[in-house]
Amino acid sequence: MLCHCLFIPFRQLALLAKLSDKNARFMKVLHQAQVYYSDVNNPISKHEEAMMKTLLLSVVMVACSTASYAFTRENNQASQYINAGVSDSREGAYRQGQTLANNIRSESPRKLKRTLGIYEYGLKTNSIKVDNSHIQVDEFSNAKGEVKYRAIVNVDYSYDTFESDNR
């Protein structure tokens, strides 16, 4: 009978309504349907009511557990060397490296994505952050025999990726 299929105890409706304010209007309509159909001359037995409660609880549990396993979050850590420039003095090269390191630390996650070249499937851009940075100054000579100094910034960073388990 139709009344058996549409009967949902009001306590379960109230429980579901607490889960989300968006569902409040929907729950009110369902309650009105329950009141209308429960007035039919064919009442539902306690056994049928218990079965409906069990079924409703099972559906809610499956829906909640499925959503939590739909995606896997993975935290990735990496490091990258970035050339800050060449200078005639060790102090000048160190200043260039310090400036680059400070600029990278103050960049937004969206800019860091481009600067560090992070292009990975499922990347959560707002999770990109610089964990640490080190400045290394290397001495080298060019073809003319002049001694120059190169500043290299080693940037340690981390970011999150989400992978769908439904593939």
Protein backbone atom coordinates (compact mmCIF):
# COMPACT_ATOMS: atom_id res chain seq x y z
CA MET A 1 0.00 0.00 0.00
CA LEU A 2 1.09 3.58 -0.62
CA CYS A 3 0.74 4.57 3.02
CA HIS A 4 3.30 1.93 4.05
CA CYS A 5 5.96 3.35 1.70
CA LEU A 6 5.57 6.99 2.69
CA PHE A 7 5.39 6.57 6.46
CA ILE A 8 8.51 7.96 8.10
CA PRO A 9 8.37 8.56 11.86
CA PHE A 10 8.64 12.19 12.82
CA ARG A 11 11.66 11.53 15.08
CA GLN A 12 13.72 10.44 12.06
CA LEU A 13 12.57 13.49 10.15
CA ALA A 14 13.69 15.75 12.98
CA LEU A 15 17.07 13.97 13.12
CA LEU A 16 17.60 14.46 9.41
CA ALA A 17 16.48 18.09 9.63
CA LYS A 18 19.21 18.74 12.22
CA LEU A 19 21.82 17.51 9.75
CA SER A 20 21.21 20.40 7.40
CA ASP A 21 19.18 23.60 7.50
CA LYS A 22 18.65 23.27 3.75
CA ASN A 23 16.63 20.14 4.34
CA ALA A 24 14.24 21.77 6.83
CA ARG A 25 11.64 22.68 4.22
CA PHE A 26 11.88 19.21 2.67
CA MET A 27 11.42 17.61 6.08
CA LYS A 28 8.33 19.72 6.76
CA VAL A 29 6.77 18.51 3.51
CA LEU A 30 7.58 14.91 4.41
CA HIS A 31 5.99 15.37 7.83
CA GLN A 32 2.83 16.71 6.22
CA ALA A 33 2.79 13.66 3.94
CA GLN A 34 3.20 11.40 6.98
CA VAL A 35 0.28 13.02 8.79
CA TYR A 36 -1.91 12.78 5.68
CA TYR A 37 -1.10 9.17 4.87
CA SER A 38 -1.13 7.94 8.48
CA ASP A 39 -4.77 9.03 8.75
CA VAL A 40 -5.71 6.36 6.21
CA ASN A 41 -7.77 3.49 7.67
CA ASN A 42 -4.89 1.05 7.17
CA PRO A 43 -2.47 1.77 10.08
CA ILE A 44 1.14 0.56 10.09
CA SER A 45 2.08 -2.16 12.53
CA LYS A 46 4.92 -1.80 15.05
CA HIS A 47 6.94 -4.37 13.11
CA GLU A 48 6.64 -2.38 9.87
CA GLU A 49 7.53 0.82 11.70
CA ALA A 50 10.66 -0.84 13.15
CA MET A 51 11.64 -2.07 9.69
CA MET A 52 11.23 1.44 8.25
CA LYS A 53 13.37 2.91 11.05
CA THR A 54 16.08 0.32 10.38
CA LEU A 55 15.95 0.96 6.64
CA LEU A 56 16.13 4.73 7.10
CA LEU A 57 19.05 4.45 9.51
CA SER A 58 20.87 2.11 7.10
CA VAL A 59 20.41 4.51 4.18
CA VAL A 60 21.71 7.47 6.21
CA MET A 61 24.74 5.50 7.43
CA VAL A 62 25.63 4.30 3.92
CA ALA A 63 25.25 7.81 2.50
CA CYS A 64 27.50 9.32 5.18
CA SER A 65 30.18 6.64 4.97
CA THR A 66 30.29 6.68 1.17
CA ALA A 67 30.95 10.42 1.10
CA SER A 68 33.91 10.11 3.47
CA TYR A 69 35.64 7.52 1.28
CA ALA A 70 35.06 9.27 -2.04
CA PHE A 71 38.40 11.13 -1.95
CA THR A 72 41.84 10.43 -0.56
CA ARG A 73 43.86 13.38 0.74
CA GLU A 74 47.61 13.17 0.38
CA ASN A 75 50.17 15.60 1.81
CA ASN A 76 53.20 16.07 -0.46
CA GLN A 77 56.53 17.62 0.46
CA ALA A 78 59.20 18.70 -1.98
CA SER A 79 62.12 21.06 -2.39
CA GLN A 80 63.38 23.10 -5.29
CA TYR A 81 66.53 25.08 -6.04
CA ILE A 82 65.95 28.55 -7.51
CA ASN A 83 68.74 30.68 -8.94
CA ALA A 84 68.53 34.17 -7.39
CA GLY A 85 71.14 35.78 -9.62
CA VAL A 86 74.85 36.47 -10.04
CA SER A 87 76.85 39.16 -8.27
CA ASP A 88 80.43 40.41 -8.13
CA SER A 89 80.60 40.00 -4.34
CA ARG A 90 79.60 37.29 -1.90
CA GLU A 91 77.56 39.81 0.15
CA GLY A 92 75.69 41.01 -2.95
CA ALA A 93 74.81 37.45 -3.92
CA TYR A 94 73.63 36.73 -0.38
CA ARG A 95 71.41 39.87 -0.44
CA GLN A 96 69.88 38.72 -3.74
CA GLY A 97 69.18 35.31 -2.25
CA GLN A 98 67.68 36.86 0.90
CA THR A 99 65.41 39.09 -1.20
CA LEU A 100 64.21 36.16 -3.31
CA ALA A 101 63.61 33.98 -0.22
CA ASN A 102 61.56 36.75 1.45
CA ASN A 103 59.54 37.31 -1.73
CA ILE A 104 58.76 33.60 -2.03
CA ARG A 105 57.73 33.36 1.63
CA SER A 106 55.28 36.26 1.22
CA GLU A 107 53.68 35.01 -2.03
CA SER A 108 50.10 33.78 -2.18
CA PRO A 109 49.49 30.05 -2.75
CA ARG A 110 48.28 30.78 -6.31
CA LYS A 111 51.53 32.63 -7.12
CA LEU A 112 53.61 29.92 -5.39
CA LYS A 113 52.01 27.36 -7.70
CA ARG A 114 53.49 29.18 -10.71
CA THR A 115 56.81 30.10 -9.08
CA LEU A 116 57.54 26.57 -7.90
CA GLY A 117 56.01 24.91 -10.98
CA ILE A 118 53.54 22.69 -9.13
CA TYR A 119 51.17 21.23 -11.71
CA GLU A 120 49.75 18.06 -10.24
CA TYR A 121 46.34 16.47 -10.75
CA GLY A 122 44.03 17.08 -7.78
CA LEU A 123 46.17 19.89 -6.36
CA LYS A 124 44.47 21.96 -3.67
CA THR A 125 46.07 25.31 -4.49
CA ASN A 126 45.27 27.00 -1.17
CA SER A 127 47.26 24.33 0.70
CA ILE A 128 50.63 25.29 -0.86
CA LYS A 129 52.98 26.73 1.76
CA VAL A 130 56.69 27.31 2.14
CA ASP A 131 58.05 25.34 5.08
CA ASN A 132 61.67 26.50 5.01
CA SER A 133 64.30 28.10 2.77
CA HIS A 134 68.10 28.09 2.71
CA ILE A 135 70.47 30.37 0.83
CA GLN A 136 73.62 28.97 -0.71
CA VAL A 137 76.27 31.15 -2.37
CA ASP A 138 78.53 29.45 -4.92
CA GLU A 139 81.75 30.89 -6.26
CA PHE A 140 82.59 30.37 -9.94
CA SER A 141 84.69 31.98 -12.64
CA ASN A 142 83.50 32.94 -16.09
CA ALA A 143 85.39 32.46 -19.38
CA LYS A 144 87.40 35.64 -18.80
CA GLY A 145 88.62 34.34 -15.45
CA GLU A 146 86.58 36.79 -13.36
CA VAL A 147 85.29 35.43 -10.05
CA LYS A 148 81.51 35.71 -9.64
CA TYR A 149 79.07 34.60 -6.96
CA ARG A 150 75.76 32.86 -7.59
CA ALA A 151 72.95 32.84 -5.00
CA ILE A 152 70.82 29.69 -4.95
CA VAL A 153 67.74 29.48 -2.74
CA ASN A 154 66.62 26.00 -1.65
CA VAL A 155 62.87 26.16 -0.95
CA ASP A 156 61.17 23.37 1.04
CA TYR A 157 57.40 23.39 0.51
CA SER A 158 54.32 21.25 1.04
CA TYR A 159 50.88 20.94 -0.56
CA ASP A 160 47.81 18.72 -0.51
CA THR A 161 46.33 16.71 -3.35
CA PHE A 162 42.97 14.98 -3.52
CA GLU A 163 42.51 11.83 -5.53
CA SER A 164 39.11 10.42 -6.35
CA ASP A 165 38.66 6.81 -5.29
CA ASN A 166 35.83 6.40 -7.78
CA ARG A 167 38.01 5.88 -10.84
